[in-house]
Amino acid sequence: MSGVLALSALTINSKEMNNTNTNTSLAPVEKLELTQEWDKVFPKSDKVDHIKVVFGNRYGVTLAADMYKPKNADGKLPAIAVCGPFGAVKEQSSGLYAQQLAERGFLTIAFDPSFTGESGGMPRQVASPDINVEDFSAAVDYLMNREDVDSAKVGILGICGWGGIAIEAAINDPRIKATVASTMYDMTRVNANGYFDSENTSAQRNAKRAAMAAQRTIDYNNGAYRRGGGVVDPLPEDAPQFVKDYYAYYKTPRGYHVRSGNSNDGWNVTSNLPFMNFKFFEYADELENAVLIVHGDKAHSYYFGKDAFAKLKGDNKQMLTVKGASHCDLYDQLDIIPMDEIAGFYKENLN
């Protein structure tokens, strides 16, 4: 009888809105400590205004972003949320893209993903295919509720691993009217299959799963997560060219940033585990809104862009190949990045 009474009391209590288990209000936005000085790896433009903003995602993580807005802009603007590369922060490539697009008439934000950079969330340096896709939709939530944004004209842009995440977000969120993936990776494919699909057997995947599962046990015992390390440093003489390209960006004054995982100690090792069991682009043929994939034909990652594009359907899907460009050229080389073409794509498809 006491068990029945206890269950009855629990049922009554569960109907009360002050019960945290039934409170469906949005999670509060965390007060973050944001750097106010200009600490980007690119110069500040005199054509745009810049402020820092914060917003929450549906997992309760508060995201930090740099917002760029054309000077003297009036009325409601088309807006674009930018993120990437994978392991970078908003002070690197994503901020450069966002500032460049703001110069071309868009209100833009470059945000740090959950658990990284100036954004909130614990533990630090964790990646998640689900939460990171949500990060883009949370950015769209924020933009669509700004008075200076035309909510019918919101797009996203992802660089490197965030290119694949951006396309996945667009598949899931039809509010995203136009998506650009620049020098994209499919993080689910590269984790499950290895580079160039060179580890695409069940035995190889199971070995990686076993290693990461063992690492979870060690991490729990140690009370700390082992980091995978950022871009290799010192650079081996026999390193592949694309690793040398990463080094030239993340480990030199060209792109180094103190908060960037790729510039420093990298992701938690076990972050790779969920990407192995998650497939992007499963429903890519159902994506109705516009997509532009931009890739260099000298990029080691070119096959990701070509294969993703082959899954897309409709005459509003485009692939722009930049002749002679490597993967990292599209991080910051403004004489190579087809920024005017990217802006033109947004202008055409955010109408």
Protein backbone atom coordinates (compact mmCIF):
# COMPACT_ATOMS: atom_id res chain seq x y z
CA MET A 1 0.00 0.00 0.00
CA SER A 2 2.85 2.40 0.80
CA GLY A 3 4.21 1.80 -2.70
CA VAL A 4 0.84 2.70 -4.24
CA LEU A 5 0.66 5.89 -2.15
CA ALA A 6 4.17 6.86 -3.19
CA LEU A 7 3.34 6.29 -6.86
CA SER A 8 0.15 8.36 -6.46
CA ALA A 9 2.07 11.24 -4.91
CA LEU A 10 4.65 11.09 -7.69
CA THR A 11 1.90 11.19 -10.33
CA ILE A 12 0.25 14.22 -8.72
CA ASN A 13 3.57 16.02 -8.35
CA SER A 14 4.51 15.32 -11.98
CA LYS A 15 1.58 17.43 -13.11
CA GLU A 16 2.93 20.53 -11.37
CA MET A 17 4.73 22.91 -13.71
CA ASN A 18 7.40 23.67 -11.12
CA ASN A 19 8.59 20.10 -11.39
CA THR A 20 11.86 20.31 -13.33
CA ASN A 21 11.04 17.01 -15.05
CA THR A 22 7.99 18.50 -16.75
CA ASN A 23 9.06 22.12 -17.25
CA THR A 24 9.26 22.58 -21.00
CA SER A 25 10.47 26.19 -21.02
CA LEU A 26 13.64 27.06 -22.87
CA ALA A 27 16.90 26.58 -21.02
CA PRO A 28 18.30 29.85 -19.65
CA VAL A 29 21.07 31.52 -21.62
CA GLU A 30 24.31 31.22 -19.69
CA LYS A 31 26.35 34.30 -18.88
CA LEU A 32 29.57 33.76 -20.80
CA GLU A 33 32.88 35.56 -20.45
CA LEU A 34 33.52 36.90 -23.95
CA THR A 35 36.70 38.54 -25.14
CA GLN A 36 35.90 42.10 -26.15
CA GLU A 37 39.17 42.85 -27.93
CA TRP A 38 39.61 42.03 -31.61
CA ASP A 39 41.47 38.72 -31.50
CA LYS A 40 40.69 37.35 -34.97
CA VAL A 41 43.37 36.02 -37.31
CA PHE A 42 42.13 38.42 -40.03
CA PRO A 43 41.93 42.24 -40.05
CA LYS A 44 38.77 44.05 -39.03
CA SER A 45 36.74 45.53 -41.89
CA ASP A 46 35.73 49.18 -41.84
CA LYS A 47 32.68 48.32 -43.95
CA VAL A 48 30.78 46.40 -41.27
CA ASP A 49 29.75 46.73 -37.64
CA HIS A 50 30.74 43.95 -35.25
CA ILE A 51 29.30 42.84 -31.92
CA LYS A 52 29.25 39.64 -29.89
CA VAL A 53 25.97 37.82 -29.27
CA VAL A 54 24.83 34.68 -27.46
CA PHE A 55 21.93 32.27 -27.90
CA GLY A 56 20.92 28.84 -26.63
CA ASN A 57 20.35 25.52 -28.36
CA ARG A 58 17.71 22.97 -27.42
CA TYR A 59 20.21 20.99 -25.34
CA GLY A 60 20.68 23.96 -23.04
CA VAL A 61 24.14 24.93 -24.32
CA THR A 62 24.76 28.65 -24.75
CA LEU A 63 26.56 29.48 -27.99
CA ALA A 64 28.79 32.51 -28.53
CA ALA A 65 28.94 34.26 -31.89
CA ASP A 66 30.43 37.26 -33.65
CA MET A 67 27.78 39.20 -35.56
CA TYR A 68 28.73 41.24 -38.62
CA LYS A 69 26.33 43.75 -40.14
CA PRO A 70 26.82 46.12 -43.08
CA LYS A 71 27.42 49.68 -41.87
CA ASN A 72 24.37 51.94 -42.13
CA ALA A 73 22.17 48.96 -43.04
CA ASP A 74 18.46 49.68 -42.82
CA GLY A 75 15.42 47.42 -42.65
CA LYS A 76 15.32 43.64 -42.58
CA LEU A 77 18.35 41.88 -44.05
CA PRO A 78 18.96 38.38 -45.37
CA ALA A 79 21.05 36.51 -42.81
CA ILE A 80 23.63 33.71 -42.81
CA ALA A 81 25.05 31.63 -39.94
CA VAL A 82 28.61 30.39 -40.46
CA CYS A 83 30.68 27.72 -38.70
CA GLY A 84 33.86 25.74 -39.23
CA PRO A 85 36.34 24.36 -39.97
CA PHE A 86 36.03 21.31 -37.73
CA GLY A 87 38.23 22.02 -34.72
CA ALA A 88 38.48 25.74 -35.45
CA VAL A 89 36.89 28.73 -33.71
CA LYS A 90 34.95 31.75 -34.94
CA GLU A 91 38.07 33.90 -34.87
CA GLN A 92 39.45 31.89 -37.79
CA SER A 93 37.89 30.96 -41.16
CA SER A 94 34.21 31.23 -40.21
CA GLY A 95 34.67 34.81 -39.03
CA LEU A 96 36.47 35.71 -42.24
CA TYR A 97 33.65 34.30 -44.36
CA ALA A 98 31.04 36.02 -42.18
CA GLN A 99 32.76 39.39 -42.42
CA GLN A 100 33.21 39.07 -46.17
CA LEU A 101 29.53 38.23 -46.68
CA ALA A 102 28.50 41.14 -44.44
CA GLU A 103 30.49 43.42 -46.74
CA ARG A 104 28.25 42.09 -49.52
CA GLY A 105 25.00 42.99 -47.81
CA PHE A 106 24.14 40.16 -45.40
CA LEU A 107 23.74 40.13 -41.64
CA THR A 108 25.97 37.26 -40.55
CA ILE A 109 27.03 35.40 -37.44
CA ALA A 110 30.08 33.19 -37.01
CA PHE A 111 29.56 30.94 -33.99
CA ASP A 112 31.58 28.57 -31.86
CA PRO A 113 30.03 25.08 -31.67
CA SER A 114 28.86 23.60 -28.38
CA PHE A 115 31.66 22.78 -25.93
CA THR A 116 34.30 24.76 -27.85
CA GLY A 117 35.78 28.24 -28.07
CA GLU A 118 33.81 30.84 -26.16
CA SER A 119 30.59 28.80 -26.26
CA GLY A 120 29.32 27.00 -23.19
CA GLY A 121 28.82 23.33 -22.40
CA MET A 122 30.76 20.75 -20.42
CA PRO A 123 32.95 18.85 -20.83
CA ARG A 124 35.09 20.86 -23.21
CA GLN A 125 36.25 19.89 -26.70
CA VAL A 126 33.46 17.41 -27.40
CA ALA A 127 31.97 16.94 -30.86
CA SER A 128 28.60 15.35 -31.58
CA PRO A 129 26.86 14.76 -34.93
CA ASP A 130 23.47 15.40 -33.34
CA ILE A 131 24.33 18.39 -31.15
CA ASN A 132 26.44 20.03 -33.85
CA VAL A 133 23.60 19.79 -36.39
CA GLU A 134 21.40 21.32 -33.69
CA ASP A 135 23.89 24.18 -33.30
CA PHE A 136 23.10 25.34 -36.83
CA SER A 137 19.35 25.19 -36.21
CA ALA A 138 19.82 27.11 -32.96
CA ALA A 139 21.64 29.80 -34.93
CA VAL A 140 18.66 29.90 -37.29
CA ASP A 141 16.31 30.23 -34.28
CA TYR A 142 18.29 33.26 -33.17
CA LEU A 143 18.49 34.92 -36.57
CA MET A 144 14.81 34.44 -37.38
CA ASN A 145 13.81 36.22 -34.18
CA ARG A 146 15.91 39.33 -34.78
CA GLU A 147 13.97 42.42 -35.83
CA ASP A 148 16.64 43.35 -38.40
CA VAL A 149 16.49 39.93 -40.15
CA ASP A 150 14.06 38.87 -42.85
CA SER A 151 13.01 35.51 -41.39
CA ALA A 152 12.15 34.18 -44.85
CA LYS A 153 15.74 34.74 -46.00
CA VAL A 154 18.04 32.78 -43.71
CA GLY A 155 20.91 30.56 -44.89
CA ILE A 156 23.90 28.76 -43.44
CA LEU A 157 27.51 28.15 -44.46
CA GLY A 158 29.78 25.39 -43.22
CA ILE A 159 33.49 25.04 -43.81
CA CYS A 160 35.43 21.73 -43.81
CA GLY A 161 33.72 19.27 -41.43
CA TRP A 162 31.05 21.85 -40.83
CA GLY A 163 30.24 21.75 -44.54
CA GLY A 164 28.85 18.25 -44.14
CA ILE A 165 27.14 19.24 -40.90
CA ALA A 166 25.55 22.23 -42.69
CA ILE A 167 24.05 20.04 -45.42
CA GLU A 168 22.74 17.62 -42.79
CA ALA A 169 21.21 20.55 -40.90
CA ALA A 170 19.52 21.77 -44.09
CA ILE A 171 18.07 18.31 -44.72
CA ASN A 172 16.54 18.41 -41.24
CA ASP A 173 15.49 22.08 -41.11
CA PRO A 174 13.50 23.50 -44.06
CA ARG A 175 13.74 27.02 -42.60
CA ILE A 176 17.27 27.03 -44.02
CA LYS A 177 16.61 28.36 -47.51
CA ALA A 178 20.16 28.22 -48.88
CA THR A 179 23.25 26.29 -47.78
CA VAL A 180 26.90 26.58 -48.80
CA ALA A 181 29.43 23.86 -47.98
CA SER A 182 32.99 25.01 -48.59
CA THR A 183 35.89 22.53 -48.84
CA MET A 184 33.63 20.05 -47.06
CA TYR A 185 34.31 16.87 -45.13
CA ASP A 186 31.77 14.17 -44.35
CA MET A 187 32.81 13.57 -40.74
CA THR A 188 30.67 10.44 -40.46
CA ARG A 189 32.32 8.84 -43.48
CA VAL A 190 35.91 9.69 -42.61
CA ASN A 191 35.49 8.40 -39.06
CA ALA A 192 33.80 5.17 -40.14
CA ASN A 193 35.83 4.47 -43.28
CA GLY A 194 39.11 6.34 -42.83
CA TYR A 195 40.63 8.68 -45.40
CA PHE A 196 39.84 7.66 -48.97
CA ASP A 197 37.76 4.78 -47.52
CA SER A 198 40.97 2.93 -46.69
CA GLU A 199 39.59 1.50 -43.40
CA ASN A 200 36.17 0.44 -44.66
CA THR A 201 35.82 -3.00 -43.07
CA SER A 202 33.87 -4.17 -40.05
CA ALA A 203 37.08 -5.45 -38.46
CA GLN A 204 38.74 -2.04 -38.74
CA ARG A 205 35.68 -0.24 -37.39
CA ASN A 206 35.36 -2.68 -34.51
CA ALA A 207 39.02 -2.18 -33.62
CA LYS A 208 38.46 1.58 -33.46
CA ARG A 209 35.30 1.13 -31.40
CA ALA A 210 37.17 -1.14 -28.99
CA ALA A 211 40.00 1.37 -28.59
CA MET A 212 37.63 4.24 -27.86
CA ALA A 213 35.53 2.14 -25.51
CA ALA A 214 38.70 1.25 -23.59
CA GLN A 215 39.59 4.95 -23.51
CA ARG A 216 36.21 5.71 -21.91
CA THR A 217 37.10 3.37 -19.03
CA ILE A 218 40.48 5.06 -18.61
CA ASP A 219 38.95 8.55 -18.79
CA TYR A 220 36.39 7.70 -16.12
CA ASN A 221 39.09 6.31 -13.84
CA ASN A 222 41.31 9.36 -14.41
CA GLY A 223 38.49 11.85 -14.00
CA ALA A 224 39.64 13.60 -17.18
CA TYR A 225 39.21 13.14 -20.92
CA ARG A 226 42.25 12.37 -23.02
CA ARG A 227 42.71 14.83 -25.87
CA GLY A 228 43.62 13.61 -29.32
CA GLY A 229 46.02 16.44 -30.02
CA GLY A 230 45.56 19.10 -32.66
CA VAL A 231 47.49 19.33 -35.90
CA VAL A 232 50.73 17.37 -35.53
CA ASP A 233 53.60 19.47 -34.19
CA PRO A 234 56.50 19.23 -34.86
CA LEU A 235 55.71 18.43 -38.45
CA PRO A 236 57.33 15.21 -39.75
CA GLU A 237 59.31 15.63 -42.95
CA ASP A 238 57.39 12.80 -44.58
CA ALA A 239 53.94 14.15 -43.64
CA PRO A 240 51.33 14.09 -46.42
CA GLN A 241 50.86 17.38 -48.22
CA PHE A 242 47.42 17.97 -46.72
CA VAL A 243 48.87 17.63 -43.20
CA LYS A 244 51.52 20.19 -44.16
CA ASP A 245 48.71 22.45 -45.36
CA TYR A 246 46.91 22.10 -42.03
CA TYR A 247 50.13 22.91 -40.20
CA ALA A 248 50.67 26.00 -42.35
CA TYR A 249 47.26 27.29 -41.28
CA TYR A 250 46.74 26.20 -37.68
CA LYS A 251 50.30 26.25 -36.36
CA THR A 252 51.62 29.48 -37.82
CA PRO A 253 50.62 33.13 -37.37
CA ARG A 254 48.50 32.78 -40.52
CA GLY A 255 45.75 30.97 -38.61
CA TYR A 256 46.88 30.03 -35.09
CA HIS A 257 44.40 30.81 -32.32
CA VAL A 258 44.71 30.04 -28.63
CA ARG A 259 41.15 28.67 -28.38
CA SER A 260 41.29 26.49 -31.49
CA GLY A 261 41.50 22.76 -30.82
CA ASN A 262 43.30 22.18 -34.10
CA SER A 263 45.87 24.81 -33.13
CA ASN A 264 46.36 23.22 -29.71
CA ASP A 265 45.40 19.94 -28.01
CA GLY A 266 42.49 18.82 -30.15
CA TRP A 267 39.22 17.01 -29.43
CA ASN A 268 38.53 14.51 -26.69
CA VAL A 269 39.56 11.17 -28.19
CA THR A 270 36.15 9.59 -27.63
CA SER A 271 34.41 12.33 -29.66
CA ASN A 272 34.96 10.24 -32.79
CA LEU A 273 32.81 7.37 -31.54
CA PRO A 274 29.29 8.71 -32.35
CA PHE A 275 30.35 9.84 -35.82
CA MET A 276 31.17 6.21 -36.69
CA ASN A 277 27.57 5.17 -36.05
CA PHE A 278 25.84 8.15 -37.68
CA LYS A 279 25.39 8.66 -41.42
CA PHE A 280 25.03 12.10 -42.95
CA PHE A 281 23.14 12.49 -46.24
CA GLU A 282 20.89 9.43 -45.75
CA TYR A 283 17.98 11.58 -46.95
CA ALA A 284 19.93 14.04 -49.09
CA ASP A 285 17.66 13.41 -52.06
CA GLU A 286 14.76 14.86 -50.03
CA LEU A 287 16.45 18.25 -49.48
CA GLU A 288 14.34 20.73 -51.43
CA ASN A 289 16.12 24.00 -50.69
CA ALA A 290 19.21 25.31 -52.46
CA VAL A 291 22.75 24.00 -51.89
CA LEU A 292 26.12 25.13 -53.25
CA ILE A 293 29.17 22.92 -52.71
CA VAL A 294 32.50 24.73 -53.24
CA HIS A 295 35.64 22.61 -53.47
CA GLY A 296 39.15 22.79 -54.83
CA ASP A 297 40.15 20.12 -57.33
CA LYS A 298 43.56 19.78 -55.62
CA ALA A 299 41.99 19.18 -52.20
CA HIS A 300 42.49 15.75 -50.62
CA SER A 301 38.86 16.12 -49.52
CA TYR A 302 37.48 16.75 -53.02
CA TYR A 303 35.83 13.32 -53.12
CA PHE A 304 33.62 14.25 -50.16
CA GLY A 305 32.19 17.22 -52.05
CA LYS A 306 31.67 15.34 -55.30
CA ASP A 307 29.99 12.37 -53.63
CA ALA A 308 27.71 14.55 -51.51
CA PHE A 309 26.69 16.56 -54.57
CA ALA A 310 25.78 13.34 -56.41
CA LYS A 311 23.20 12.58 -53.71
CA LEU A 312 21.40 15.91 -54.08
CA LYS A 313 18.41 16.34 -56.38
CA GLY A 314 16.89 19.35 -58.11
CA ASP A 315 17.99 22.22 -60.30
CA ASN A 316 18.77 24.43 -57.29
CA LYS A 317 21.83 22.35 -56.37
CA GLN A 318 25.22 23.51 -57.66
CA MET A 319 28.85 22.44 -57.37
CA LEU A 320 31.58 24.99 -57.94
CA THR A 321 35.05 23.54 -58.46
CA VAL A 322 37.94 25.93 -57.84
CA LYS A 323 40.74 24.94 -60.18
CA GLY A 324 44.10 24.43 -58.53
CA ALA A 325 42.83 25.02 -54.98
CA SER A 326 43.82 22.81 -52.06
CA HIS A 327 41.66 22.12 -49.02
CA CYS A 328 43.14 24.86 -46.85
CA ASP A 329 43.28 27.43 -49.67
CA LEU A 330 39.54 27.82 -49.13
CA TYR A 331 40.05 28.61 -45.45
CA ASP A 332 41.42 32.09 -45.92
CA GLN A 333 42.91 32.81 -49.35
CA LEU A 334 40.61 35.60 -50.54
CA ASP A 335 42.18 35.65 -53.98
CA ILE A 336 41.08 32.01 -54.37
CA ILE A 337 37.81 31.74 -52.43
CA PRO A 338 34.97 32.57 -54.88
CA MET A 339 33.29 34.92 -52.41
CA ASP A 340 31.37 36.91 -55.04
CA GLU A 341 29.92 33.69 -56.48
CA ILE A 342 28.95 32.53 -52.98
CA ALA A 343 27.24 35.86 -52.28
CA GLY A 344 25.49 35.66 -55.65
CA PHE A 345 24.19 32.20 -54.81
CA TYR A 346 22.69 33.50 -51.58
CA LYS A 347 21.16 36.54 -53.24
CA GLU A 348 19.51 34.36 -55.86
CA ASN A 349 18.22 31.71 -53.48
CA LEU A 350 17.23 33.80 -50.47
CA ASN A 351 14.63 35.69 -52.51
